[in-house]
Amino acid sequence: MIETDATIDEFLTRHAHDVEAAVREAAAREIVPRWRRLAAHEVDRKSGPHDLVTDADREAERYLTAELPRLLPGSVVVGEEGVHADPASYEAIRGDAPAWIVDPVDGTRQFVRGETGFCTLVALALDGVVHASWTYAPARDHLATAVRGRGARLDGEPLRSGSPEAGRDLRVATSHPDFTSDEQKRALLGLRTDGVAPRPCGSAGLEYLAVARGELDATAFNWELAWDHAAGMLLVEEAGGAHLTRAGTPFAIRGGNTLPFTAARDEATARRVVELLSRAVRPCATRGGVPGG
């Protein structure tokens, strides 16, 4: 079993392209053929009317759950649909084995509507540290990758987030109100101020890509399930950005974060967003939820 960062780095040097191939193949086999062709019986609801799952989600995750541990023996998969079926399996993210963190279709609502704003997210973590990530948008055929310490790329070209232009409103994608508690709503209302232009988020993975590309200045999210954030957080970080919780600490994929949190084009922007979120709520911290709870 891989136990050290150095061994993870060696694996990535030799097999990063194999992971990319597996991500592309999962989309080609299970996602793209169903896009804009979903039958009613291929769409279900999980926790509520806006929490959708499709056969594309299930089958793409099944494919990746078989392929990724084959590339890295001894690794485990923590996937959104697997955890929905067995909530206790989320604990593997806190274990000693390398963990593949998978969201087979991030932006399922957009996928069901036949829109292009969805992607597949895969991250590789060890001991709570994300070492590599793959964000694939099959409808647009864009692949963003990041390897810790080696930078971020989009379709093979280097990604740099840069800094927001002085004098322009900050563009911030925020959690959708349907998924926000009263206290978190108050925190997010702190972004409704001069100099900030908030809007509801779409696919979290694509919002992170927009930050890494400098097309969006920051995110402000209130949930911490690792499959939504692990890949994008590393992408933003390796593109030159920063991520902070409302407590001012880096986001932890194993949970226990003070919410909401932000990922931004640079550290100064992240700190500005955190200041606005914190100012709008009482001093007590809001802790993250537990999947299946």
C-alpha atoms as a PDB file:
ATOM      1  CA  MET A   1       0.000   0.000   0.000  1.00  0.00           C
ATOM      2  CA  ILE A   2       1.171   3.526  -0.763  1.00  0.00           C
ATOM      3  CA  GLU A   3       2.014   5.236   2.511  1.00  0.00           C
ATOM      4  CA  THR A   4       4.137   8.281   1.670  1.00  0.00           C
ATOM      5  CA  ASP A   5       3.842  11.461  -0.355  1.00  0.00           C
ATOM      6  CA  ALA A   6       6.952  10.461  -2.317  1.00  0.00           C
ATOM      7  CA  THR A   7       5.325   7.231  -3.447  1.00  0.00           C
ATOM      8  CA  ILE A   8       2.162   9.094  -4.436  1.00  0.00           C
ATOM      9  CA  ASP A   9       4.311  11.456  -6.513  1.00  0.00           C
ATOM     10  CA  GLU A  10       5.943   8.492  -8.234  1.00  0.00           C
ATOM     11  CA  PHE A  11       2.537   6.984  -8.991  1.00  0.00           C
ATOM     12  CA  LEU A  12       1.322  10.258 -10.484  1.00  0.00           C
ATOM     13  CA  THR A  13       4.432  10.629 -12.627  1.00  0.00           C
ATOM     14  CA  ARG A  14       3.820   7.190 -14.101  1.00  0.00           C
ATOM     15  CA  HIS A  15       0.027   6.936 -14.152  1.00  0.00           C
ATOM     16  CA  ALA A  16      -1.632  10.379 -14.211  1.00  0.00           C
ATOM     17  CA  HIS A  17      -2.466   9.894 -17.884  1.00  0.00           C
ATOM     18  CA  ASP A  18      -4.021   6.507 -17.093  1.00  0.00           C
ATOM     19  CA  VAL A  19      -6.324   8.200 -14.580  1.00  0.00           C
ATOM     20  CA  GLU A  20      -7.220  10.791 -17.199  1.00  0.00           C
ATOM     21  CA  ALA A  21      -8.033   7.991 -19.633  1.00  0.00           C
ATOM     22  CA  ALA A  22     -10.285   6.294 -17.063  1.00  0.00           C
ATOM     23  CA  VAL A  23     -12.161   9.545 -16.384  1.00  0.00           C
ATOM     24  CA  ARG A  24     -12.686  10.143 -20.088  1.00  0.00           C
ATOM     25  CA  GLU A  25     -13.774   6.540 -20.628  1.00  0.00           C
ATOM     26  CA  ALA A  26     -16.334   6.698 -17.814  1.00  0.00           C
ATOM     27  CA  ALA A  27     -17.863   9.738 -19.479  1.00  0.00           C
ATOM     28  CA  ALA A  28     -17.771   8.223 -22.956  1.00  0.00           C
ATOM     29  CA  ARG A  29     -19.385   4.975 -21.797  1.00  0.00           C
ATOM     30  CA  GLU A  30     -21.912   6.081 -19.230  1.00  0.00           C
ATOM     31  CA  ILE A  31     -22.514   9.843 -19.281  1.00  0.00           C
ATOM     32  CA  VAL A  32     -22.402  11.227 -22.813  1.00  0.00           C
ATOM     33  CA  PRO A  33     -24.688   8.540 -24.328  1.00  0.00           C
ATOM     34  CA  ARG A  34     -27.376   9.494 -21.758  1.00  0.00           C
ATOM     35  CA  TRP A  35     -26.975  13.259 -22.073  1.00  0.00           C
ATOM     36  CA  ARG A  36     -30.167  14.750 -23.532  1.00  0.00           C
ATOM     37  CA  ARG A  37     -31.491  11.196 -23.918  1.00  0.00           C
ATOM     38  CA  LEU A  38     -32.522  10.361 -20.344  1.00  0.00           C
ATOM     39  CA  ALA A  39     -35.748   8.433 -19.937  1.00  0.00           C
ATOM     40  CA  ALA A  40     -37.968   9.138 -16.943  1.00  0.00           C
ATOM     41  CA  HIS A  41     -37.067   5.829 -15.302  1.00  0.00           C
ATOM     42  CA  GLU A  42     -33.355   6.770 -15.407  1.00  0.00           C
ATOM     43  CA  VAL A  43     -33.823   9.718 -12.994  1.00  0.00           C
ATOM     44  CA  ASP A  44     -34.460   9.338  -9.252  1.00  0.00           C
ATOM     45  CA  ARG A  45     -34.542  11.630  -6.219  1.00  0.00           C
ATOM     46  CA  LYS A  46     -32.464  11.074  -3.097  1.00  0.00           C
ATOM     47  CA  SER A  47     -32.902  13.402  -0.114  1.00  0.00           C
ATOM     48  CA  GLY A  48     -35.311  15.855  -1.737  1.00  0.00           C
ATOM     49  CA  PRO A  49     -36.806  17.195  -4.971  1.00  0.00           C
ATOM     50  CA  HIS A  50     -33.591  18.984  -5.976  1.00  0.00           C
ATOM     51  CA  ASP A  51     -31.245  16.108  -5.044  1.00  0.00           C
ATOM     52  CA  LEU A  52     -31.267  14.082  -8.247  1.00  0.00           C
ATOM     53  CA  VAL A  53     -29.421  10.943  -9.291  1.00  0.00           C
ATOM     54  CA  THR A  54     -29.426   9.285 -12.688  1.00  0.00           C
ATOM     55  CA  ASP A  55     -28.272   6.040 -14.202  1.00  0.00           C
ATOM     56  CA  ALA A  56     -25.330   8.026 -15.588  1.00  0.00           C
ATOM     57  CA  ASP A  57     -24.217   8.913 -12.037  1.00  0.00           C
ATOM     58  CA  ARG A  58     -24.494   5.322 -10.838  1.00  0.00           C
ATOM     59  CA  GLU A  59     -22.874   3.627 -13.821  1.00  0.00           C
ATOM     60  CA  ALA A  60     -20.022   6.125 -14.210  1.00  0.00           C
ATOM     61  CA  GLU A  61     -19.171   5.749 -10.526  1.00  0.00           C
ATOM     62  CA  ARG A  62     -19.365   1.970 -10.815  1.00  0.00           C
ATOM     63  CA  TYR A  63     -16.860   2.087 -13.685  1.00  0.00           C
ATOM     64  CA  LEU A  64     -14.447   4.366 -11.814  1.00  0.00           C
ATOM     65  CA  THR A  65     -14.798   2.323  -8.620  1.00  0.00           C
ATOM     66  CA  ALA A  66     -13.499  -0.668 -10.556  1.00  0.00           C
ATOM     67  CA  GLU A  67     -10.806   1.098 -12.586  1.00  0.00           C
ATOM     68  CA  LEU A  68      -9.113   3.469 -10.142  1.00  0.00           C
ATOM     69  CA  PRO A  69      -8.085   0.877  -7.502  1.00  0.00           C
ATOM     70  CA  ARG A  70      -6.794  -1.284 -10.344  1.00  0.00           C
ATOM     71  CA  LEU A  71      -4.380   1.534 -11.233  1.00  0.00           C
ATOM     72  CA  LEU A  72      -3.404   2.019  -7.576  1.00  0.00           C
ATOM     73  CA  PRO A  73      -3.634  -1.256  -5.619  1.00  0.00           C
ATOM     74  CA  GLY A  74      -4.590  -0.765  -1.985  1.00  0.00           C
ATOM     75  CA  SER A  75      -6.513   2.432  -2.657  1.00  0.00           C
ATOM     76  CA  VAL A  76     -10.199   2.945  -1.885  1.00  0.00           C
ATOM     77  CA  VAL A  77     -12.984   4.906  -3.565  1.00  0.00           C
ATOM     78  CA  VAL A  78     -15.197   7.376  -1.725  1.00  0.00           C
ATOM     79  CA  GLY A  79     -17.926   8.216  -4.211  1.00  0.00           C
ATOM     80  CA  GLU A  80     -21.135  10.174  -3.882  1.00  0.00           C
ATOM     81  CA  GLU A  81     -23.425   7.350  -4.945  1.00  0.00           C
ATOM     82  CA  GLY A  82     -21.563   4.707  -2.960  1.00  0.00           C
ATOM     83  CA  VAL A  83     -21.864   6.809   0.183  1.00  0.00           C
ATOM     84  CA  HIS A  84     -25.560   7.379  -0.476  1.00  0.00           C
ATOM     85  CA  ALA A  85     -26.016   3.600  -0.505  1.00  0.00           C
ATOM     86  CA  ASP A  86     -23.699   3.060   2.493  1.00  0.00           C
ATOM     87  CA  PRO A  87     -23.145   6.246   4.557  1.00  0.00           C
ATOM     88  CA  ALA A  88     -20.528   4.527   6.730  1.00  0.00           C
ATOM     89  CA  SER A  89     -18.253   4.190   3.692  1.00  0.00           C
ATOM     90  CA  TYR A  90     -17.508   7.941   3.932  1.00  0.00           C
ATOM     91  CA  GLU A  91     -15.235   7.118   6.866  1.00  0.00           C
ATOM     92  CA  ALA A  92     -12.678   5.735   4.396  1.00  0.00           C
ATOM     93  CA  ILE A  93     -11.690   9.334   3.704  1.00  0.00           C
ATOM     94  CA  ARG A  94     -10.317   9.442   7.257  1.00  0.00           C
ATOM     95  CA  GLY A  95      -8.437   6.147   6.932  1.00  0.00           C
ATOM     96  CA  ASP A  96      -4.817   5.341   6.083  1.00  0.00           C
ATOM     97  CA  ALA A  97      -5.332   4.118   2.514  1.00  0.00           C
ATOM     98  CA  PRO A  98      -5.051   6.421  -0.503  1.00  0.00           C
ATOM     99  CA  ALA A  99      -8.580   7.572  -1.309  1.00  0.00           C
ATOM    100  CA  TRP A 100     -10.083   8.351  -4.679  1.00  0.00           C
ATOM    101  CA  ILE A 101     -12.792  10.963  -4.091  1.00  0.00           C
ATOM    102  CA  VAL A 102     -15.352  10.761  -6.887  1.00  0.00           C
ATOM    103  CA  ASP A 103     -18.365  12.759  -8.003  1.00  0.00           C
ATOM    104  CA  PRO A 104     -19.398  11.013 -11.227  1.00  0.00           C
ATOM    105  CA  VAL A 105     -21.768  13.774 -12.384  1.00  0.00           C
ATOM    106  CA  ASP A 106     -21.371  17.076 -10.560  1.00  0.00           C
ATOM    107  CA  GLY A 107     -24.248  19.273 -11.675  1.00  0.00           C
ATOM    108  CA  THR A 108     -26.804  16.491 -12.028  1.00  0.00           C
ATOM    109  CA  ARG A 109     -29.691  18.958 -12.268  1.00  0.00           C
ATOM    110  CA  GLN A 110     -28.017  20.644 -15.232  1.00  0.00           C
ATOM    111  CA  PHE A 111     -27.324  17.227 -16.767  1.00  0.00           C
ATOM    112  CA  VAL A 112     -30.979  16.203 -16.405  1.00  0.00           C
ATOM    113  CA  ARG A 113     -32.082  19.458 -18.054  1.00  0.00           C
ATOM    114  CA  GLY A 114     -29.805  18.762 -21.017  1.00  0.00           C
ATOM    115  CA  GLU A 115     -27.506  21.690 -20.266  1.00  0.00           C
ATOM    116  CA  THR A 116     -23.709  21.688 -20.575  1.00  0.00           C
ATOM    117  CA  GLY A 117     -22.883  22.737 -16.995  1.00  0.00           C
ATOM    118  CA  PHE A 118     -21.874  19.392 -15.501  1.00  0.00           C
ATOM    119  CA  CYS A 119     -18.602  17.561 -14.981  1.00  0.00           C
ATOM    120  CA  THR A 120     -16.896  14.514 -13.507  1.00  0.00           C
ATOM    121  CA  LEU A 121     -14.673  15.138 -10.481  1.00  0.00           C
ATOM    122  CA  VAL A 122     -11.896  12.833  -9.279  1.00  0.00           C
ATOM    123  CA  ALA A 123      -9.301  13.604  -6.608  1.00  0.00           C
ATOM    124  CA  LEU A 124      -6.586  11.456  -5.040  1.00  0.00           C
ATOM    125  CA  ALA A 125      -5.938  12.052  -1.340  1.00  0.00           C
ATOM    126  CA  LEU A 126      -3.654  10.563   1.303  1.00  0.00           C
ATOM    127  CA  ASP A 127      -3.868  11.410   5.016  1.00  0.00           C
ATOM    128  CA  GLY A 128      -6.354  14.189   4.325  1.00  0.00           C
ATOM    129  CA  VAL A 129      -4.140  15.899   1.723  1.00  0.00           C
ATOM    130  CA  VAL A 130      -5.287  16.079  -1.901  1.00  0.00           C
ATOM    131  CA  HIS A 131      -2.381  15.279  -4.214  1.00  0.00           C
ATOM    132  CA  ALA A 132      -4.026  15.339  -7.633  1.00  0.00           C
ATOM    133  CA  SER A 133      -7.324  16.128  -9.274  1.00  0.00           C
ATOM    134  CA  TRP A 134      -9.157  15.740 -12.556  1.00  0.00           C
ATOM    135  CA  THR A 135     -12.145  17.884 -13.583  1.00  0.00           C
ATOM    136  CA  TYR A 136     -13.680  16.733 -16.855  1.00  0.00           C
ATOM    137  CA  ALA A 137     -16.542  18.574 -18.577  1.00  0.00           C
ATOM    138  CA  PRO A 138     -17.590  16.096 -21.279  1.00  0.00           C
ATOM    139  CA  ALA A 139     -20.200  18.307 -22.967  1.00  0.00           C
ATOM    140  CA  ARG A 140     -17.446  20.862 -23.585  1.00  0.00           C
ATOM    141  CA  ASP A 141     -14.579  18.338 -23.794  1.00  0.00           C
ATOM    142  CA  HIS A 142     -12.474  20.326 -21.316  1.00  0.00           C
ATOM    143  CA  LEU A 143     -10.149  18.551 -18.887  1.00  0.00           C
ATOM    144  CA  ALA A 144      -8.560  20.453 -16.001  1.00  0.00           C
ATOM    145  CA  THR A 145      -5.860  18.727 -13.954  1.00  0.00           C
ATOM    146  CA  ALA A 146      -3.801  19.620 -10.923  1.00  0.00           C
ATOM    147  CA  VAL A 147      -0.915  17.912  -9.148  1.00  0.00           C
ATOM    148  CA  ARG A 148       0.258  19.262  -5.814  1.00  0.00           C
ATOM    149  CA  GLY A 149       3.431  21.270  -6.299  1.00  0.00           C
ATOM    150  CA  ARG A 150       3.315  20.927 -10.089  1.00  0.00           C
ATOM    151  CA  GLY A 151       0.623  23.427 -11.027  1.00  0.00           C
ATOM    152  CA  ALA A 152      -2.751  23.296 -12.742  1.00  0.00           C
ATOM    153  CA  ARG A 153      -3.584  22.831 -16.399  1.00  0.00           C
ATOM    154  CA  LEU A 154      -6.596  23.101 -18.678  1.00  0.00           C
ATOM    155  CA  ASP A 155      -6.426  20.958 -21.794  1.00  0.00           C
ATOM    156  CA  GLY A 156      -2.662  20.774 -21.288  1.00  0.00           C
ATOM    157  CA  GLU A 157      -2.096  24.528 -20.965  1.00  0.00           C
ATOM    158  CA  PRO A 158      -1.006  26.123 -17.649  1.00  0.00           C
ATOM    159  CA  LEU A 159      -3.751  27.714 -15.554  1.00  0.00           C
ATOM    160  CA  ARG A 160      -3.192  30.875 -13.510  1.00  0.00           C
ATOM    161  CA  SER A 161      -5.992  32.476 -11.559  1.00  0.00           C
ATOM    162  CA  GLY A 162      -4.449  35.941 -11.305  1.00  0.00           C
ATOM    163  CA  SER A 163      -6.077  38.617  -9.130  1.00  0.00           C
ATOM    164  CA  PRO A 164      -9.349  40.519  -9.483  1.00  0.00           C
ATOM    165  CA  GLU A 165      -9.191  43.763 -11.406  1.00  0.00           C
ATOM    166  CA  ALA A 166      -9.086  46.803  -9.126  1.00  0.00           C
ATOM    167  CA  GLY A 167     -12.286  48.819  -9.053  1.00  0.00           C
ATOM    168  CA  ARG A 168     -14.531  46.025 -10.327  1.00  0.00           C
ATOM    169  CA  ASP A 169     -17.159  44.221  -8.234  1.00  0.00           C
ATOM    170  CA  LEU A 170     -16.060  40.811  -6.968  1.00  0.00           C
ATOM    171  CA  ARG A 171     -17.864  38.025  -8.821  1.00  0.00           C
ATOM    172  CA  VAL A 172     -18.827  35.393  -6.226  1.00  0.00           C
ATOM    173  CA  ALA A 173     -20.771  32.148  -6.748  1.00  0.00           C
ATOM    174  CA  THR A 174     -22.708  31.206  -3.611  1.00  0.00           C
ATOM    175  CA  SER A 175     -24.607  28.215  -2.271  1.00  0.00           C
ATOM    176  CA  HIS A 176     -28.115  27.881  -3.642  1.00  0.00           C
ATOM    177  CA  PRO A 177     -30.701  29.115  -1.089  1.00  0.00           C
ATOM    178  CA  ASP A 178     -32.484  25.744  -1.196  1.00  0.00           C
ATOM    179  CA  PHE A 179     -29.501  24.153   0.543  1.00  0.00           C
ATOM    180  CA  THR A 180     -28.733  26.875   3.093  1.00  0.00           C
ATOM    181  CA  SER A 181     -29.637  27.093   6.792  1.00  0.00           C
ATOM    182  CA  ASP A 182     -30.959  30.329   8.310  1.00  0.00           C
ATOM    183  CA  GLU A 183     -27.623  31.180   9.913  1.00  0.00           C
ATOM    184  CA  GLN A 184     -25.719  30.436   6.732  1.00  0.00           C
ATOM    185  CA  LYS A 185     -28.160  32.607   4.801  1.00  0.00           C
ATOM    186  CA  ARG A 186     -27.272  35.459   7.143  1.00  0.00           C
ATOM    187  CA  ALA A 187     -23.584  34.865   6.511  1.00  0.00           C
ATOM    188  CA  LEU A 188     -24.093  34.825   2.759  1.00  0.00           C
ATOM    189  CA  LEU A 189     -26.149  38.017   2.985  1.00  0.00           C
ATOM    190  CA  GLY A 190     -22.895  39.632   4.049  1.00  0.00           C
ATOM    191  CA  LEU A 191     -21.856  39.387   0.401  1.00  0.00           C
ATOM    192  CA  ARG A 192     -24.743  41.618  -0.654  1.00  0.00           C
ATOM    193  CA  THR A 193     -22.757  44.776  -0.244  1.00  0.00           C
ATOM    194  CA  ASP A 194     -21.074  47.398  -2.366  1.00  0.00           C
ATOM    195  CA  GLY A 195     -18.220  45.967  -4.392  1.00  0.00           C
ATOM    196  CA  VAL A 196     -19.535  42.383  -4.503  1.00  0.00           C
ATOM    197  CA  ALA A 197     -21.733  40.745  -7.149  1.00  0.00           C
ATOM    198  CA  PRO A 198     -22.989  37.395  -5.769  1.00  0.00           C
ATOM    199  CA  ARG A 199     -24.962  34.837  -7.784  1.00  0.00           C
ATOM    200  CA  PRO A 200     -26.231  31.278  -7.115  1.00  0.00           C
ATOM    201  CA  CYS A 201     -23.732  28.581  -8.043  1.00  0.00           C
ATOM    202  CA  GLY A 202     -24.111  25.868 -10.633  1.00  0.00           C
ATOM    203  CA  SER A 203     -21.845  22.824 -10.682  1.00  0.00           C
ATOM    204  CA  ALA A 204     -19.318  23.332  -7.871  1.00  0.00           C
ATOM    205  CA  GLY A 205     -16.597  21.716  -9.951  1.00  0.00           C
ATOM    206  CA  LEU A 206     -17.121  24.128 -12.825  1.00  0.00           C
ATOM    207  CA  GLU A 207     -17.270  27.098 -10.465  1.00  0.00           C
ATOM    208  CA  TYR A 208     -13.846  26.111  -9.119  1.00  0.00           C
ATOM    209  CA  LEU A 209     -12.582  25.854 -12.683  1.00  0.00           C
ATOM    210  CA  ALA A 210     -13.928  29.349 -13.365  1.00  0.00           C
ATOM    211  CA  VAL A 211     -11.976  30.656 -10.348  1.00  0.00           C
ATOM    212  CA  ALA A 212      -8.811  28.913 -11.549  1.00  0.00           C
ATOM    213  CA  ARG A 213      -9.286  30.502 -14.984  1.00  0.00           C
ATOM    214  CA  GLY A 214      -9.881  33.962 -13.540  1.00  0.00           C
ATOM    215  CA  GLU A 215     -13.451  34.067 -14.883  1.00  0.00           C
ATOM    216  CA  LEU A 216     -14.917  34.079 -11.346  1.00  0.00           C
ATOM    217  CA  ASP A 217     -13.319  35.775  -8.356  1.00  0.00           C
ATOM    218  CA  ALA A 218     -14.499  33.520  -5.532  1.00  0.00           C
ATOM    219  CA  THR A 219     -16.980  30.950  -4.284  1.00  0.00           C
ATOM    220  CA  ALA A 220     -18.860  30.917  -0.967  1.00  0.00           C
ATOM    221  CA  PHE A 221     -20.217  27.463  -0.134  1.00  0.00           C
ATOM    222  CA  ASN A 222     -21.926  26.095   2.957  1.00  0.00           C
ATOM    223  CA  TRP A 223     -21.515  22.340   2.595  1.00  0.00           C
ATOM    224  CA  GLU A 224     -18.346  20.290   2.878  1.00  0.00           C
ATOM    225  CA  LEU A 225     -18.885  16.876   1.270  1.00  0.00           C
ATOM    226  CA  ALA A 226     -15.469  16.029  -0.107  1.00  0.00           C
ATOM    227  CA  TRP A 227     -16.505  14.884  -3.585  1.00  0.00           C
ATOM    228  CA  ASP A 228     -17.855  18.350  -4.392  1.00  0.00           C
ATOM    229  CA  HIS A 229     -14.741  20.239  -3.276  1.00  0.00           C
ATOM    230  CA  ALA A 230     -11.564  18.135  -3.187  1.00  0.00           C
ATOM    231  CA  ALA A 231     -10.782  18.323  -6.907  1.00  0.00           C
ATOM    232  CA  GLY A 232     -11.639  21.990  -7.294  1.00  0.00           C
ATOM    233  CA  MET A 233      -9.838  23.146  -4.168  1.00  0.00           C
ATOM    234  CA  LEU A 234      -6.550  21.714  -5.415  1.00  0.00           C
ATOM    235  CA  LEU A 235      -7.173  23.126  -8.890  1.00  0.00           C
ATOM    236  CA  VAL A 236      -7.632  26.631  -7.477  1.00  0.00           C
ATOM    237  CA  GLU A 237      -4.671  26.277  -5.121  1.00  0.00           C
ATOM    238  CA  GLU A 238      -2.303  25.101  -7.857  1.00  0.00           C
ATOM    239  CA  ALA A 239      -3.512  27.890 -10.161  1.00  0.00           C
ATOM    240  CA  GLY A 240      -2.360  30.412  -7.545  1.00  0.00           C
ATOM    241  CA  GLY A 241      -5.549  30.845  -5.531  1.00  0.00           C
ATOM    242  CA  ALA A 242      -6.439  30.195  -1.901  1.00  0.00           C
ATOM    243  CA  HIS A 243      -9.208  28.598   0.152  1.00  0.00           C
ATOM    244  CA  LEU A 244     -10.308  29.562   3.658  1.00  0.00           C
ATOM    245  CA  THR A 245     -13.130  28.670   6.014  1.00  0.00           C
ATOM    246  CA  ARG A 246     -15.077  31.292   7.929  1.00  0.00           C
ATOM    247  CA  ALA A 247     -12.622  30.686  10.794  1.00  0.00           C
ATOM    248  CA  GLY A 248      -9.756  31.753   8.524  1.00  0.00           C
ATOM    249  CA  THR A 249      -8.247  28.254   8.269  1.00  0.00           C
ATOM    250  CA  PRO A 250      -7.656  26.219   5.098  1.00  0.00           C
ATOM    251  CA  PHE A 251     -10.531  23.944   4.093  1.00  0.00           C
ATOM    252  CA  ALA A 252     -10.084  20.348   5.344  1.00  0.00           C
ATOM    253  CA  ILE A 253     -11.487  17.581   3.153  1.00  0.00           C
ATOM    254  CA  ARG A 254     -12.010  15.336   6.192  1.00  0.00           C
ATOM    255  CA  GLY A 255     -14.582  17.783   7.557  1.00  0.00           C
ATOM    256  CA  GLY A 256     -15.092  19.820  10.705  1.00  0.00           C
ATOM    257  CA  ASN A 257     -14.858  23.112   8.821  1.00  0.00           C
ATOM    258  CA  THR A 258     -16.433  26.366   9.969  1.00  0.00           C
ATOM    259  CA  LEU A 259     -18.961  27.249   7.290  1.00  0.00           C
ATOM    260  CA  PRO A 260     -19.424  28.925   4.880  1.00  0.00           C
ATOM    261  CA  PHE A 261     -15.975  28.762   3.256  1.00  0.00           C
ATOM    262  CA  THR A 262     -14.450  30.286   0.159  1.00  0.00           C
ATOM    263  CA  ALA A 263     -12.054  29.521  -2.657  1.00  0.00           C
ATOM    264  CA  ALA A 264     -10.710  32.608  -4.379  1.00  0.00           C
ATOM    265  CA  ARG A 265      -8.298  33.767  -7.058  1.00  0.00           C
ATOM    266  CA  ASP A 266      -5.807  34.985  -4.465  1.00  0.00           C
ATOM    267  CA  GLU A 267      -5.400  35.033  -0.690  1.00  0.00           C
ATOM    268  CA  ALA A 268      -6.374  38.689  -0.341  1.00  0.00           C
ATOM    269  CA  THR A 269      -9.707  38.002  -2.026  1.00  0.00           C
ATOM    270  CA  ALA A 270     -10.285  34.916   0.122  1.00  0.00           C
ATOM    271  CA  ARG A 271      -9.688  36.955   3.277  1.00  0.00           C
ATOM    272  CA  ARG A 272     -12.019  39.696   2.087  1.00  0.00           C
ATOM    273  CA  VAL A 273     -14.824  37.177   1.473  1.00  0.00           C
ATOM    274  CA  VAL A 274     -14.252  35.538   4.875  1.00  0.00           C
ATOM    275  CA  GLU A 275     -14.399  38.935   6.579  1.00  0.00           C
ATOM    276  CA  LEU A 276     -17.756  39.697   4.948  1.00  0.00           C
ATOM    277  CA  LEU A 277     -19.177  36.276   5.857  1.00  0.00           C
ATOM    278  CA  SER A 278     -18.006  36.536   9.463  1.00  0.00           C
ATOM    279  CA  ARG A 279     -19.222  40.072   9.997  1.00  0.00           C
ATOM    280  CA  ALA A 280     -22.784  39.095   9.064  1.00  0.00           C
ATOM    281  CA  VAL A 281     -23.333  36.397  11.715  1.00  0.00           C
ATOM    282  CA  ARG A 282     -23.029  35.971  15.438  1.00  0.00           C
ATOM    283  CA  PRO A 283     -19.638  34.761  16.763  1.00  0.00           C
ATOM    284  CA  CYS A 284     -20.577  31.087  17.214  1.00  0.00           C
ATOM    285  CA  ALA A 285     -19.341  28.656  14.573  1.00  0.00           C
ATOM    286  CA  THR A 286     -21.527  26.553  12.337  1.00  0.00           C
ATOM    287  CA  ARG A 287     -20.081  23.106  11.865  1.00  0.00           C
ATOM    288  CA  GLY A 288     -20.362  20.963   8.760  1.00  0.00           C
ATOM    289  CA  GLY A 289     -22.865  18.162   8.338  1.00  0.00           C
ATOM    290  CA  VAL A 290     -22.326  14.415   8.237  1.00  0.00           C
ATOM    291  CA  PRO A 291     -23.383  12.563   5.093  1.00  0.00           C
ATOM    292  CA  GLY A 292     -26.409  10.431   5.614  1.00  0.00           C
ATOM    293  CA  GLY A 293     -27.284  12.311   8.800  1.00  0.00           C
END
